[in-house]
Amino acid sequence: MNFKYKRVAVGGTFDHFHIGHKALLRTTFESGESVMIGVSSDGFAKKLGKGLDQKFDVRVERLKNFLNSSFPNRRYEINSLEDHFGPVIIDRDIDAIVVSEETLSKAKEANELRKAKRLKPLKIILIDTVLADDGLPVSSTRIRNKEIDEEGHKIKQKA
């Protein structure tokens, strides 16, 4: 398989692993020969004000299960993120980053930080927002609030 980039990064909290996460990761694995995945630590997620239902180890385990079944024999590494950027602002071997509209501004900020360190900017690969059946974006927050399930299907509320 010919990949456009040698090394591609992606990051997220990955709480309630859902179809939006899968789309993000599919694009990442289709774009790069090797993949670096940053997963927000419990402490960083809390600092961001994200209400987590799943601890770091559970989120990483669900992520690995998806990766190993969807992309067998592919190279990837998972890092704990303690801030918005992790290794992408210092690792000169990363060529590109895959983001959603929600994280696009942080990717642009990462490129400014790389520029200040005299590193080449990352190619930013923007994925389309994944919508639930109701036409609204799929998100861990909506899943946590029991509006939708992890596949983006509306949950019928009990009367």
Protein backbone atom coordinates (compact mmCIF):
# COMPACT_ATOMS: atom_id res chain seq x y z
CA MET A 1 0.00 0.00 0.00
CA ASN A 2 1.29 3.47 -0.85
CA PHE A 3 0.77 6.05 1.85
CA LYS A 4 0.86 9.78 1.31
CA TYR A 5 2.74 10.36 4.58
CA LYS A 6 5.38 8.45 6.51
CA ARG A 7 4.14 9.36 10.01
CA VAL A 8 0.71 10.74 10.92
CA ALA A 9 -0.60 11.87 14.30
CA VAL A 10 -4.09 11.99 15.75
CA GLY A 11 -5.37 12.72 19.23
CA GLY A 12 -8.48 12.57 21.32
CA THR A 13 -10.07 11.58 24.58
CA PHE A 14 -11.83 8.55 23.06
CA ASP A 15 -14.43 8.30 25.85
CA HIS A 16 -17.41 6.21 24.68
CA PHE A 17 -15.53 5.07 21.56
CA HIS A 18 -17.93 5.88 18.69
CA ILE A 19 -18.33 6.06 14.91
CA GLY A 20 -16.77 9.53 14.81
CA HIS A 21 -13.62 8.16 16.44
CA LYS A 22 -13.61 5.28 13.93
CA ALA A 23 -13.83 7.72 10.99
CA LEU A 24 -10.97 9.79 12.43
CA LEU A 25 -8.79 6.71 12.85
CA ARG A 26 -9.66 5.25 9.42
CA THR A 27 -8.52 8.46 7.75
CA THR A 28 -5.35 8.47 9.86
CA PHE A 29 -4.45 4.88 8.97
CA GLU A 30 -5.26 5.46 5.28
CA SER A 31 -2.94 8.50 5.26
CA GLY A 32 0.17 7.31 7.04
CA GLU A 33 2.60 4.43 7.05
CA SER A 34 2.96 4.71 10.82
CA VAL A 35 0.52 6.31 13.23
CA MET A 36 0.97 8.12 16.53
CA ILE A 37 -2.18 8.34 18.65
CA GLY A 38 -2.44 10.66 21.61
CA VAL A 39 -5.06 9.82 24.22
CA SER A 40 -5.95 12.45 26.82
CA SER A 41 -4.92 11.39 30.29
CA ASP A 42 -7.61 11.36 32.97
CA GLY A 43 -5.99 14.44 34.53
CA PHE A 44 -5.84 16.39 31.27
CA ALA A 45 -9.44 15.50 30.40
CA LYS A 46 -10.54 16.70 33.83
CA LYS A 47 -8.55 19.93 33.38
CA LEU A 48 -10.46 20.47 30.10
CA GLY A 49 -13.72 20.06 31.99
CA LYS A 50 -14.61 16.83 30.19
CA GLY A 51 -16.80 14.53 32.22
CA LEU A 52 -15.33 11.08 31.64
CA ASP A 53 -17.23 7.86 32.15
CA GLN A 54 -14.21 5.70 31.31
CA LYS A 55 -10.73 5.75 32.83
CA PHE A 56 -7.63 6.04 30.62
CA ASP A 57 -6.86 2.30 30.65
CA VAL A 58 -10.40 1.41 29.54
CA ARG A 59 -10.34 4.01 26.75
CA VAL A 60 -6.97 2.77 25.50
CA GLU A 61 -8.12 -0.87 25.64
CA ARG A 62 -11.22 -0.13 23.53
CA LEU A 63 -9.04 1.83 21.11
CA LYS A 64 -6.55 -1.04 20.78
CA ASN A 65 -9.35 -3.56 20.22
CA PHE A 66 -10.65 -1.48 17.30
CA LEU A 67 -7.17 -0.90 15.85
CA ASN A 68 -6.06 -4.51 16.07
CA SER A 69 -9.25 -5.79 14.42
CA SER A 70 -9.51 -3.03 11.78
CA PHE A 71 -5.83 -2.54 10.94
CA PRO A 72 -4.03 -5.79 11.69
CA ASN A 73 -0.27 -5.73 11.15
CA ARG A 74 -0.17 -1.92 11.05
CA ARG A 75 2.34 0.08 13.07
CA TYR A 76 1.03 2.51 15.65
CA GLU A 77 1.94 3.89 19.04
CA ILE A 78 -0.29 5.32 21.74
CA ASN A 79 0.86 8.14 24.01
CA SER A 80 -0.80 9.71 27.02
CA LEU A 81 -1.56 13.39 26.39
CA GLU A 82 -1.00 15.79 29.26
CA ASP A 83 -1.67 18.85 27.07
CA HIS A 84 -3.24 19.71 23.70
CA PHE A 85 -0.15 18.93 21.65
CA GLY A 86 1.93 16.08 23.05
CA PRO A 87 4.81 15.13 20.75
CA VAL A 88 3.46 16.86 17.61
CA ILE A 89 5.16 20.15 18.47
CA ILE A 90 8.62 18.61 18.95
CA ASP A 91 8.77 15.44 16.82
CA ARG A 92 10.34 16.33 13.46
CA ASP A 93 9.35 12.95 11.97
CA ILE A 94 5.61 13.62 12.07
CA ASP A 95 4.39 14.73 8.63
CA ALA A 96 0.66 15.21 9.10
CA ILE A 97 -2.14 15.38 11.65
CA VAL A 98 -5.76 14.28 11.25
CA VAL A 99 -8.37 16.45 12.95
CA SER A 100 -12.08 17.18 13.07
CA GLU A 101 -13.57 20.65 12.85
CA GLU A 102 -13.59 20.65 16.66
CA THR A 103 -9.78 20.36 16.89
CA LEU A 104 -8.72 22.23 13.74
CA SER A 105 -7.70 25.37 15.65
CA LYS A 106 -5.35 23.34 17.89
CA ALA A 107 -3.66 21.82 14.81
CA LYS A 108 -3.08 25.32 13.44
CA GLU A 109 -1.69 26.38 16.81
CA ALA A 110 0.60 23.33 16.80
CA ASN A 111 1.96 24.44 13.44
CA GLU A 112 2.73 27.89 14.85
CA LEU A 113 4.62 26.25 17.74
CA ARG A 114 6.49 23.99 15.28
CA LYS A 115 7.39 27.02 13.16
CA ALA A 116 8.84 28.74 16.25
CA LYS A 117 11.02 25.65 16.79
CA ARG A 118 12.07 25.68 13.11
CA LEU A 119 10.20 22.45 12.34
CA LYS A 120 8.28 21.93 9.12
CA PRO A 121 4.54 22.47 9.47
CA LEU A 122 2.24 19.47 9.64
CA LYS A 123 -0.11 18.80 6.75
CA ILE A 124 -3.55 19.16 8.32
CA ILE A 125 -6.06 16.54 7.19
CA LEU A 126 -9.60 17.58 8.09
CA ILE A 127 -12.32 14.94 8.29
CA ASP A 128 -16.00 15.64 7.86
CA THR A 129 -18.10 15.76 11.00
CA VAL A 130 -19.88 12.43 11.51
CA LEU A 131 -23.57 12.97 12.03
CA ALA A 132 -26.00 10.90 14.06
CA ASP A 133 -29.37 9.79 12.69
CA ASP A 134 -30.88 13.08 13.92
CA GLY A 135 -28.46 15.13 11.78
CA LEU A 136 -26.49 16.45 14.76
CA PRO A 137 -22.80 15.61 15.36
CA VAL A 138 -21.91 12.35 17.09
CA SER A 139 -20.06 13.09 20.33
CA SER A 140 -19.13 11.39 23.56
CA THR A 141 -21.12 14.07 25.41
CA ARG A 142 -24.31 13.17 23.52
CA ILE A 143 -23.68 9.48 24.24
CA ARG A 144 -23.05 10.24 27.93
CA ASN A 145 -26.31 12.21 27.99
CA LYS A 146 -28.09 9.17 26.48
CA GLU A 147 -29.28 11.11 23.41
CA ILE A 148 -27.58 8.69 20.99
CA ASP A 149 -25.65 5.43 21.11
CA GLU A 150 -22.06 4.85 19.96
CA GLU A 151 -23.29 4.16 16.40
CA GLY A 152 -25.13 7.50 16.25
CA HIS A 153 -28.63 6.07 16.62
CA LYS A 154 -31.14 8.09 18.61
CA ILE A 155 -31.98 6.51 21.97
CA LYS A 156 -35.67 6.34 22.65
CA GLN A 157 -36.42 8.12 25.90
CA LYS A 158 -38.63 6.33 28.39
CA ALA A 159 -41.92 8.09 29.07
